[in-house]
Full PDB file with SEQRES, HELIX, SHEET, SSBOND, CRYST1, ORIGX, SCALE, CONECT and MASTER records, all heavy atoms in Angstrom:
SEQRES   1 A   33  LYS TYR VAL SER PHE THR GLN GLU ASP THR LYS LEU SER          
SEQRES   2 A   33  GLU ARG ALA LEU MET LYS HIS VAL LYS VAL ASP GLU SER          
SEQRES   3 A   33  ASP GLU GLY ILE THR ILE ASN                                  
HELIX    1 AA1 ASP A    9  LYS A   11  5                                   3    
HELIX    2 AA2 GLU A   14  MET A   18  1                                   5    
SHEET    1 AA1 2 VAL A  23  SER A  26  0                                        
SHEET    2 AA1 2 GLY A  29  ILE A  32 -1                                        
CRYST1    1.000    1.000    1.000  90.00  90.00  90.00 P 1           1          
ORIGX1      1.000000  0.000000  0.000000        0.00000                         
ORIGX2      0.000000  1.000000  0.000000        0.00000                         
ORIGX3      0.000000  0.000000  1.000000        0.00000                         
SCALE1      1.000000  0.000000  0.000000        0.00000                         
SCALE2      0.000000  1.000000  0.000000        0.00000                         
SCALE3      0.000000  0.000000  1.000000        0.00000                         
ATOM      1  N   LYS A   1       0.549 -14.218   2.748  1.00  0.00           N  
ATOM      2  CA  LYS A   1       1.141 -15.143   1.733  1.00  0.00           C  
ATOM      3  C   LYS A   1       0.568 -14.916   0.366  1.00  0.00           C  
ATOM      4  O   LYS A   1      -0.606 -14.561   0.208  1.00  0.00           O  
ATOM      5  CB  LYS A   1       0.842 -16.573   2.142  1.00  0.00           C  
ATOM      6  CG  LYS A   1       1.677 -17.080   3.280  1.00  0.00           C  
ATOM      7  CD  LYS A   1       1.281 -18.511   3.654  1.00  0.00           C  
ATOM      8  CE  LYS A   1       2.035 -19.436   2.773  1.00  0.00           C  
ATOM      9  NZ  LYS A   1       1.866 -20.842   3.181  1.00  0.00           N  
ATOM     10  N   TYR A   2       1.410 -15.089  -0.622  1.00  0.00           N  
ATOM     11  CA  TYR A   2       1.048 -15.106  -2.067  1.00  0.00           C  
ATOM     12  C   TYR A   2       0.665 -13.727  -2.619  1.00  0.00           C  
ATOM     13  O   TYR A   2       0.037 -13.585  -3.649  1.00  0.00           O  
ATOM     14  CB  TYR A   2      -0.145 -16.067  -2.324  1.00  0.00           C  
ATOM     15  CG  TYR A   2       0.048 -17.447  -1.771  1.00  0.00           C  
ATOM     16  CD1 TYR A   2      -0.822 -17.971  -0.820  1.00  0.00           C  
ATOM     17  CD2 TYR A   2       1.182 -18.248  -2.143  1.00  0.00           C  
ATOM     18  CE1 TYR A   2      -0.645 -19.221  -0.279  1.00  0.00           C  
ATOM     19  CE2 TYR A   2       1.344 -19.485  -1.637  1.00  0.00           C  
ATOM     20  CZ  TYR A   2       0.443 -19.971  -0.690  1.00  0.00           C  
ATOM     21  OH  TYR A   2       0.644 -21.243  -0.181  1.00  0.00           O  
ATOM     22  N   VAL A   3       1.096 -12.674  -1.924  1.00  0.00           N  
ATOM     23  CA  VAL A   3       0.783 -11.286  -2.363  1.00  0.00           C  
ATOM     24  C   VAL A   3       2.069 -10.447  -2.369  1.00  0.00           C  
ATOM     25  O   VAL A   3       2.897 -10.585  -1.492  1.00  0.00           O  
ATOM     26  CB  VAL A   3      -0.247 -10.663  -1.390  1.00  0.00           C  
ATOM     27  CG1 VAL A   3      -0.540  -9.235  -1.749  1.00  0.00           C  
ATOM     28  CG2 VAL A   3      -1.515 -11.489  -1.323  1.00  0.00           C  
ATOM     29  N   SER A   4       2.154  -9.537  -3.305  1.00  0.00           N  
ATOM     30  CA  SER A   4       3.249  -8.570  -3.317  1.00  0.00           C  
ATOM     31  C   SER A   4       2.776  -7.271  -4.035  1.00  0.00           C  
ATOM     32  O   SER A   4       1.784  -7.272  -4.748  1.00  0.00           O  
ATOM     33  CB  SER A   4       4.445  -9.142  -4.051  1.00  0.00           C  
ATOM     34  OG  SER A   4       4.144  -9.381  -5.407  1.00  0.00           O  
ATOM     35  N   PHE A   5       3.524  -6.220  -3.814  1.00  0.00           N  
ATOM     36  CA  PHE A   5       3.165  -4.913  -4.441  1.00  0.00           C  
ATOM     37  C   PHE A   5       3.789  -4.863  -5.862  1.00  0.00           C  
ATOM     38  O   PHE A   5       3.271  -4.179  -6.679  1.00  0.00           O  
ATOM     39  CB  PHE A   5       3.731  -3.785  -3.625  1.00  0.00           C  
ATOM     40  CG  PHE A   5       2.912  -3.482  -2.403  1.00  0.00           C  
ATOM     41  CD1 PHE A   5       3.440  -3.671  -1.129  1.00  0.00           C  
ATOM     42  CD2 PHE A   5       1.596  -3.039  -2.534  1.00  0.00           C  
ATOM     43  CE1 PHE A   5       2.680  -3.342  -0.021  1.00  0.00           C  
ATOM     44  CE2 PHE A   5       0.827  -2.796  -1.366  1.00  0.00           C  
ATOM     45  CZ  PHE A   5       1.386  -2.929  -0.112  1.00  0.00           C  
ATOM     46  N   THR A   6       4.916  -5.521  -6.069  1.00  0.00           N  
ATOM     47  CA  THR A   6       5.580  -5.548  -7.329  1.00  0.00           C  
ATOM     48  C   THR A   6       6.057  -6.956  -7.640  1.00  0.00           C  
ATOM     49  O   THR A   6       5.934  -7.818  -6.816  1.00  0.00           O  
ATOM     50  CB  THR A   6       6.786  -4.584  -7.346  1.00  0.00           C  
ATOM     51  OG1 THR A   6       7.802  -5.144  -6.486  1.00  0.00           O  
ATOM     52  CG2 THR A   6       6.409  -3.197  -6.892  1.00  0.00           C  
ATOM     53  N   GLN A   7       6.672  -7.111  -8.803  1.00  0.00           N  
ATOM     54  CA  GLN A   7       7.240  -8.436  -9.099  1.00  0.00           C  
ATOM     55  C   GLN A   7       8.345  -8.813  -8.127  1.00  0.00           C  
ATOM     56  O   GLN A   7       8.539  -9.984  -7.892  1.00  0.00           O  
ATOM     57  CB  GLN A   7       7.805  -8.426 -10.538  1.00  0.00           C  
ATOM     58  CG  GLN A   7       6.710  -8.393 -11.604  1.00  0.00           C  
ATOM     59  CD  GLN A   7       5.997  -9.686 -11.750  1.00  0.00           C  
ATOM     60  OE1 GLN A   7       6.327 -10.690 -11.162  1.00  0.00           O  
ATOM     61  NE2 GLN A   7       4.957  -9.707 -12.530  1.00  0.00           N  
ATOM     62  N   GLU A   8       9.083  -7.880  -7.577  1.00  0.00           N  
ATOM     63  CA  GLU A   8      10.194  -8.171  -6.689  1.00  0.00           C  
ATOM     64  C   GLU A   8      10.165  -7.273  -5.469  1.00  0.00           C  
ATOM     65  O   GLU A   8      11.129  -6.617  -5.172  1.00  0.00           O  
ATOM     66  CB  GLU A   8      11.486  -8.056  -7.403  1.00  0.00           C  
ATOM     67  CG  GLU A   8      11.688  -8.989  -8.572  1.00  0.00           C  
ATOM     68  CD  GLU A   8      13.006  -8.830  -9.259  1.00  0.00           C  
ATOM     69  OE1 GLU A   8      13.952  -8.332  -8.652  1.00  0.00           O  
ATOM     70  OE2 GLU A   8      13.090  -9.187 -10.472  1.00  0.00           O  
ATOM     71  N   ASP A   9       9.054  -7.250  -4.733  1.00  0.00           N  
ATOM     72  CA  ASP A   9       8.956  -6.274  -3.620  1.00  0.00           C  
ATOM     73  C   ASP A   9       9.755  -6.644  -2.396  1.00  0.00           C  
ATOM     74  O   ASP A   9       9.773  -5.877  -1.424  1.00  0.00           O  
ATOM     75  CB  ASP A   9       7.510  -5.943  -3.300  1.00  0.00           C  
ATOM     76  CG  ASP A   9       6.803  -7.016  -2.453  1.00  0.00           C  
ATOM     77  OD1 ASP A   9       7.341  -8.083  -2.223  1.00  0.00           O  
ATOM     78  OD2 ASP A   9       5.701  -6.680  -2.008  1.00  0.00           O  
ATOM     79  N   THR A  10      10.472  -7.783  -2.379  1.00  0.00           N  
ATOM     80  CA  THR A  10      11.298  -8.078  -1.253  1.00  0.00           C  
ATOM     81  C   THR A  10      12.420  -7.071  -1.113  1.00  0.00           C  
ATOM     82  O   THR A  10      13.011  -6.916  -0.057  1.00  0.00           O  
ATOM     83  CB  THR A  10      11.921  -9.495  -1.361  1.00  0.00           C  
ATOM     84  OG1 THR A  10      12.602  -9.584  -2.615  1.00  0.00           O  
ATOM     85  CG2 THR A  10      10.822 -10.569  -1.336  1.00  0.00           C  
ATOM     86  N   LYS A  11      12.650  -6.367  -2.176  1.00  0.00           N  
ATOM     87  CA  LYS A  11      13.772  -5.352  -2.196  1.00  0.00           C  
ATOM     88  C   LYS A  11      13.237  -3.956  -1.860  1.00  0.00           C  
ATOM     89  O   LYS A  11      14.014  -3.010  -1.813  1.00  0.00           O  
ATOM     90  CB  LYS A  11      14.444  -5.373  -3.527  1.00  0.00           C  
ATOM     91  CG  LYS A  11      15.100  -6.694  -3.910  1.00  0.00           C  
ATOM     92  CD  LYS A  11      15.667  -6.693  -5.299  1.00  0.00           C  
ATOM     93  CE  LYS A  11      16.144  -8.068  -5.671  1.00  0.00           C  
ATOM     94  NZ  LYS A  11      16.583  -8.132  -7.053  1.00  0.00           N  
ATOM     95  N   LEU A  12      11.964  -3.798  -1.694  1.00  0.00           N  
ATOM     96  CA  LEU A  12      11.386  -2.468  -1.471  1.00  0.00           C  
ATOM     97  C   LEU A  12      11.575  -2.000  -0.020  1.00  0.00           C  
ATOM     98  O   LEU A  12      11.365  -2.785   0.870  1.00  0.00           O  
ATOM     99  CB  LEU A  12       9.860  -2.463  -1.801  1.00  0.00           C  
ATOM    100  CG  LEU A  12       9.500  -2.641  -3.264  1.00  0.00           C  
ATOM    101  CD1 LEU A  12       7.999  -2.642  -3.420  1.00  0.00           C  
ATOM    102  CD2 LEU A  12      10.081  -1.593  -4.177  1.00  0.00           C  
ATOM    103  N   SER A  13      11.873  -0.732   0.114  1.00  0.00           N  
ATOM    104  CA  SER A  13      11.966  -0.128   1.422  1.00  0.00           C  
ATOM    105  C   SER A  13      10.582   0.139   1.977  1.00  0.00           C  
ATOM    106  O   SER A  13       9.582   0.068   1.251  1.00  0.00           O  
ATOM    107  CB  SER A  13      12.766   1.155   1.381  1.00  0.00           C  
ATOM    108  OG  SER A  13      12.019   2.154   0.656  1.00  0.00           O  
ATOM    109  N   GLU A  14      10.483   0.489   3.248  1.00  0.00           N  
ATOM    110  CA  GLU A  14       9.176   0.810   3.834  1.00  0.00           C  
ATOM    111  C   GLU A  14       8.529   2.005   3.064  1.00  0.00           C  
ATOM    112  O   GLU A  14       7.336   1.952   2.787  1.00  0.00           O  
ATOM    113  CB  GLU A  14       9.322   1.212   5.316  1.00  0.00           C  
ATOM    114  CG  GLU A  14       9.658   0.061   6.215  1.00  0.00           C  
ATOM    115  CD  GLU A  14       9.842   0.503   7.674  1.00  0.00           C  
ATOM    116  OE1 GLU A  14       9.647   1.704   7.984  1.00  0.00           O  
ATOM    117  OE2 GLU A  14      10.168  -0.356   8.479  1.00  0.00           O  
ATOM    118  N   ARG A  15       9.306   2.966   2.720  1.00  0.00           N  
ATOM    119  CA  ARG A  15       8.776   4.151   1.999  1.00  0.00           C  
ATOM    120  C   ARG A  15       8.215   3.723   0.640  1.00  0.00           C  
ATOM    121  O   ARG A  15       7.158   4.138   0.211  1.00  0.00           O  
ATOM    122  CB  ARG A  15       9.836   5.206   1.866  1.00  0.00           C  
ATOM    123  CG  ARG A  15       9.373   6.420   1.053  1.00  0.00           C  
ATOM    124  CD  ARG A  15      10.341   7.493   1.059  1.00  0.00           C  
ATOM    125  NE  ARG A  15      10.172   8.162   2.378  1.00  0.00           N  
ATOM    126  CZ  ARG A  15      10.913   9.083   2.834  1.00  0.00           C  
ATOM    127  NH1 ARG A  15      12.006   9.472   2.195  1.00  0.00           N  
ATOM    128  NH2 ARG A  15      10.684   9.644   3.995  1.00  0.00           N  
ATOM    129  N   ALA A  16       8.953   2.868  -0.049  1.00  0.00           N  
ATOM    130  CA  ALA A  16       8.500   2.392  -1.380  1.00  0.00           C  
ATOM    131  C   ALA A  16       7.264   1.555  -1.224  1.00  0.00           C  
ATOM    132  O   ALA A  16       6.358   1.654  -2.087  1.00  0.00           O  
ATOM    133  CB  ALA A  16       9.638   1.585  -2.024  1.00  0.00           C  
ATOM    134  N   LEU A  17       7.159   0.727  -0.192  1.00  0.00           N  
ATOM    135  CA  LEU A  17       5.929  -0.066   0.004  1.00  0.00           C  
ATOM    136  C   LEU A  17       4.705   0.819   0.155  1.00  0.00           C  
ATOM    137  O   LEU A  17       3.674   0.567  -0.397  1.00  0.00           O  
ATOM    138  CB  LEU A  17       6.064  -0.963   1.307  1.00  0.00           C  
ATOM    139  CG  LEU A  17       6.995  -2.167   1.145  1.00  0.00           C  
ATOM    140  CD1 LEU A  17       7.073  -2.839   2.533  1.00  0.00           C  
ATOM    141  CD2 LEU A  17       6.469  -3.139   0.140  1.00  0.00           C  
ATOM    142  N   MET A  18       4.856   1.900   0.954  1.00  0.00           N  
ATOM    143  CA  MET A  18       3.773   2.783   1.231  1.00  0.00           C  
ATOM    144  C   MET A  18       3.261   3.542   0.026  1.00  0.00           C  
ATOM    145  O   MET A  18       2.164   4.032  -0.021  1.00  0.00           O  
ATOM    146  CB  MET A  18       4.090   3.726   2.369  1.00  0.00           C  
ATOM    147  CG  MET A  18       4.220   2.986   3.668  1.00  0.00           C  
ATOM    148  SD  MET A  18       4.551   4.001   5.134  1.00  0.00           S  
ATOM    149  CE  MET A  18       5.169   5.483   4.555  1.00  0.00           C  
ATOM    150  N   LYS A  19       4.088   3.649  -1.010  1.00  0.00           N  
ATOM    151  CA  LYS A  19       3.693   4.334  -2.253  1.00  0.00           C  
ATOM    152  C   LYS A  19       2.570   3.562  -2.937  1.00  0.00           C  
ATOM    153  O   LYS A  19       1.848   4.146  -3.745  1.00  0.00           O  
ATOM    154  CB  LYS A  19       4.877   4.524  -3.182  1.00  0.00           C  
ATOM    155  CG  LYS A  19       5.833   5.580  -2.708  1.00  0.00           C  
ATOM    156  CD  LYS A  19       6.940   5.746  -3.733  1.00  0.00           C  
ATOM    157  CE  LYS A  19       7.939   6.795  -3.194  1.00  0.00           C  
ATOM    158  NZ  LYS A  19       8.964   7.029  -4.179  1.00  0.00           N  
ATOM    159  N   HIS A  20       2.430   2.311  -2.592  1.00  0.00           N  
ATOM    160  CA  HIS A  20       1.422   1.472  -3.207  1.00  0.00           C  
ATOM    161  C   HIS A  20       0.107   1.477  -2.408  1.00  0.00           C  
ATOM    162  O   HIS A  20      -0.841   0.770  -2.800  1.00  0.00           O  
ATOM    163  CB  HIS A  20       1.915   0.042  -3.373  1.00  0.00           C  
ATOM    164  CG  HIS A  20       3.143  -0.085  -4.229  1.00  0.00           C  
ATOM    165  ND1 HIS A  20       3.024  -0.114  -5.628  1.00  0.00           N  
ATOM    166  CD2 HIS A  20       4.450  -0.110  -3.935  1.00  0.00           C  
ATOM    167  CE1 HIS A  20       4.274  -0.207  -6.091  1.00  0.00           C  
ATOM    168  NE2 HIS A  20       5.113  -0.191  -5.143  1.00  0.00           N  
ATOM    169  N   VAL A  21       0.049   2.209  -1.333  1.00  0.00           N  
ATOM    170  CA  VAL A  21      -1.148   2.297  -0.486  1.00  0.00           C  
ATOM    171  C   VAL A  21      -1.628   3.717  -0.475  1.00  0.00           C  
ATOM    172  O   VAL A  21      -0.874   4.622  -0.194  1.00  0.00           O  
ATOM    173  CB  VAL A  21      -0.837   1.841   0.954  1.00  0.00           C  
ATOM    174  CG1 VAL A  21      -2.084   1.959   1.817  1.00  0.00           C  
ATOM    175  CG2 VAL A  21      -0.250   0.409   0.951  1.00  0.00           C  
ATOM    176  N   LYS A  22      -2.900   3.916  -0.763  1.00  0.00           N  
ATOM    177  CA  LYS A  22      -3.539   5.243  -0.688  1.00  0.00           C  
ATOM    178  C   LYS A  22      -4.648   5.219   0.365  1.00  0.00           C  
ATOM    179  O   LYS A  22      -5.425   4.348   0.367  1.00  0.00           O  
ATOM    180  CB  LYS A  22      -4.131   5.657  -2.046  1.00  0.00           C  
ATOM    181  CG  LYS A  22      -3.113   5.640  -3.202  1.00  0.00           C  
ATOM    182  CD  LYS A  22      -2.088   6.714  -3.031  1.00  0.00           C  
ATOM    183  CE  LYS A  22      -1.108   6.671  -4.170  1.00  0.00           C  
ATOM    184  NZ  LYS A  22       0.254   6.901  -3.808  1.00  0.00           N  
ATOM    185  N   VAL A  23      -4.616   6.212   1.231  1.00  0.00           N  
ATOM    186  CA  VAL A  23      -5.619   6.353   2.267  1.00  0.00           C  
ATOM    187  C   VAL A  23      -6.460   7.579   2.026  1.00  0.00           C  
ATOM    188  O   VAL A  23      -5.896   8.661   1.866  1.00  0.00           O  
ATOM    189  CB  VAL A  23      -4.955   6.396   3.666  1.00  0.00           C  
ATOM    190  CG1 VAL A  23      -6.009   6.608   4.767  1.00  0.00           C  
ATOM    191  CG2 VAL A  23      -4.149   5.189   3.905  1.00  0.00           C  
ATOM    192  N   ASP A  24      -7.781   7.419   1.946  1.00  0.00           N  
ATOM    193  CA  ASP A  24      -8.689   8.529   1.804  1.00  0.00           C  
ATOM    194  C   ASP A  24      -9.578   8.551   3.017  1.00  0.00           C  
ATOM    195  O   ASP A  24     -10.029   7.526   3.494  1.00  0.00           O  
ATOM    196  CB  ASP A  24      -9.524   8.340   0.542  1.00  0.00           C  
ATOM    197  CG  ASP A  24      -8.698   8.381  -0.708  1.00  0.00           C  
ATOM    198  OD1 ASP A  24      -7.823   9.255  -0.832  1.00  0.00           O  
ATOM    199  OD2 ASP A  24      -8.874   7.497  -1.584  1.00  0.00           O  
ATOM    200  N   GLU A  25      -9.887   9.766   3.499  1.00  0.00           N  
ATOM    201  CA  GLU A  25     -10.799   9.923   4.592  1.00  0.00           C  
ATOM    202  C   GLU A  25     -11.950  10.788   4.195  1.00  0.00           C  
ATOM    203  O   GLU A  25     -11.747  11.820   3.546  1.00  0.00           O  
ATOM    204  CB  GLU A  25     -10.079  10.534   5.845  1.00  0.00           C  
ATOM    205  CG  GLU A  25     -10.955  10.641   7.031  1.00  0.00           C  
ATOM    206  CD  GLU A  25     -10.278  11.264   8.221  1.00  0.00           C  
ATOM    207  OE1 GLU A  25      -9.241  11.928   8.039  1.00  0.00           O  
ATOM    208  OE2 GLU A  25     -10.834  11.166   9.324  1.00  0.00           O  
ATOM    209  N   SER A  26     -13.120  10.415   4.608  1.00  0.00           N  
ATOM    210  CA  SER A  26     -14.326  11.218   4.349  1.00  0.00           C  
ATOM    211  C   SER A  26     -15.174  11.152   5.629  1.00  0.00           C  
ATOM    212  O   SER A  26     -14.830  10.526   6.587  1.00  0.00           O  
ATOM    213  CB  SER A  26     -15.082  10.621   3.140  1.00  0.00           C  
ATOM    214  OG  SER A  26     -15.633   9.385   3.467  1.00  0.00           O  
ATOM    215  N   ASP A  27     -16.326  11.772   5.543  1.00  0.00           N  
ATOM    216  CA  ASP A  27     -17.286  11.734   6.629  1.00  0.00           C  
ATOM    217  C   ASP A  27     -17.713  10.317   6.974  1.00  0.00           C  
ATOM    218  O   ASP A  27     -18.056   9.995   8.109  1.00  0.00           O  
ATOM    219  CB  ASP A  27     -18.526  12.600   6.399  1.00  0.00           C  
ATOM    220  CG  ASP A  27     -18.166  14.034   6.413  1.00  0.00           C  
ATOM    221  OD1 ASP A  27     -17.198  14.445   7.000  1.00  0.00           O  
ATOM    222  OD2 ASP A  27     -18.936  14.858   5.762  1.00  0.00           O  
ATOM    223  N   GLU A  28     -17.702   9.445   5.958  1.00  0.00           N  
ATOM    224  CA  GLU A  28     -18.126   8.058   6.121  1.00  0.00           C  
ATOM    225  C   GLU A  28     -17.015   7.197   6.758  1.00  0.00           C  
ATOM    226  O   GLU A  28     -17.275   6.077   7.165  1.00  0.00           O  
ATOM    227  CB  GLU A  28     -18.557   7.433   4.848  1.00  0.00           C  
ATOM    228  CG  GLU A  28     -19.872   8.041   4.270  1.00  0.00           C  
ATOM    229  CD  GLU A  28     -19.594   9.320   3.486  1.00  0.00           C  
ATOM    230  OE1 GLU A  28     -18.546   9.419   2.840  1.00  0.00           O  
ATOM    231  OE2 GLU A  28     -20.415  10.218   3.568  1.00  0.00           O  
ATOM    232  N   GLY A  29     -15.780   7.626   6.766  1.00  0.00           N  
ATOM    233  CA  GLY A  29     -14.668   6.859   7.327  1.00  0.00           C  
ATOM    234  C   GLY A  29     -13.456   6.773   6.430  1.00  0.00           C  
ATOM    235  O   GLY A  29     -13.362   7.498   5.440  1.00  0.00           O  
ATOM    236  N   ILE A  30     -12.592   5.848   6.739  1.00  0.00           N  
ATOM    237  CA  ILE A  30     -11.331   5.671   6.014  1.00  0.00           C  
ATOM    238  C   ILE A  30     -11.495   4.626   4.921  1.00  0.00           C  
ATOM    239  O   ILE A  30     -12.081   3.601   5.152  1.00  0.00           O  
ATOM    240  CB  ILE A  30     -10.217   5.183   6.993  1.00  0.00           C  
ATOM    241  CG1 ILE A  30     -10.001   6.249   8.092  1.00  0.00           C  
ATOM    242  CG2 ILE A  30      -8.938   4.920   6.267  1.00  0.00           C  
ATOM    243  CD1 ILE A  30      -9.137   5.726   9.220  1.00  0.00           C  
ATOM    244  N   THR A  31     -10.985   4.938   3.747  1.00  0.00           N  
ATOM    245  CA  THR A  31     -10.948   3.986   2.646  1.00  0.00           C  
ATOM    246  C   THR A  31      -9.455   3.770   2.275  1.00  0.00           C  
ATOM    247  O   THR A  31      -8.703   4.712   2.149  1.00  0.00           O  
ATOM    248  CB  THR A  31     -11.693   4.541   1.432  1.00  0.00           C  
ATOM    249  OG1 THR A  31     -13.051   4.770   1.766  1.00  0.00           O  
ATOM    250  CG2 THR A  31     -11.620   3.583   0.250  1.00  0.00           C  
ATOM    251  N   ILE A  32      -9.085   2.503   2.151  1.00  0.00           N  
ATOM    252  CA  ILE A  32      -7.705   2.149   1.799  1.00  0.00           C  
ATOM    253  C   ILE A  32      -7.784   1.530   0.361  1.00  0.00           C  
ATOM    254  O   ILE A  32      -8.567   0.638   0.106  1.00  0.00           O  
ATOM    255  CB  ILE A  32      -7.101   1.164   2.770  1.00  0.00           C  
ATOM    256  CG1 ILE A  32      -7.069   1.805   4.169  1.00  0.00           C  
ATOM    257  CG2 ILE A  32      -5.761   0.667   2.330  1.00  0.00           C  
ATOM    258  CD1 ILE A  32      -6.670   0.862   5.258  1.00  0.00           C  
ATOM    259  N   ASN A  33      -6.962   2.077  -0.500  1.00  0.00           N  
ATOM    260  CA  ASN A  33      -6.862   1.576  -1.914  1.00  0.00           C  
ATOM    261  C   ASN A  33      -5.459   1.087  -2.132  1.00  0.00           C  
ATOM    262  O   ASN A  33      -4.490   1.780  -1.802  1.00  0.00           O  
ATOM    263  CB  ASN A  33      -7.186   2.691  -2.868  1.00  0.00           C  
ATOM    264  CG  ASN A  33      -8.562   3.260  -2.701  1.00  0.00           C  
ATOM    265  OD1 ASN A  33      -9.532   2.584  -2.916  1.00  0.00           O  
ATOM    266  ND2 ASN A  33      -8.694   4.496  -2.240  1.00  0.00           N  
TER     267      ASN A  33                                                      
MASTER        0    0    0    2    2    0    0    6  266    1    0    3          
END                                                                             
């Protein structure tokens, strides 16, 4: 609740949503930005 990726993300497709998530992996583990 109370969170969105954009001003109107109810219209975003799954692919568009994932563009706002970055996953990095290192020896220490996974970092999500």
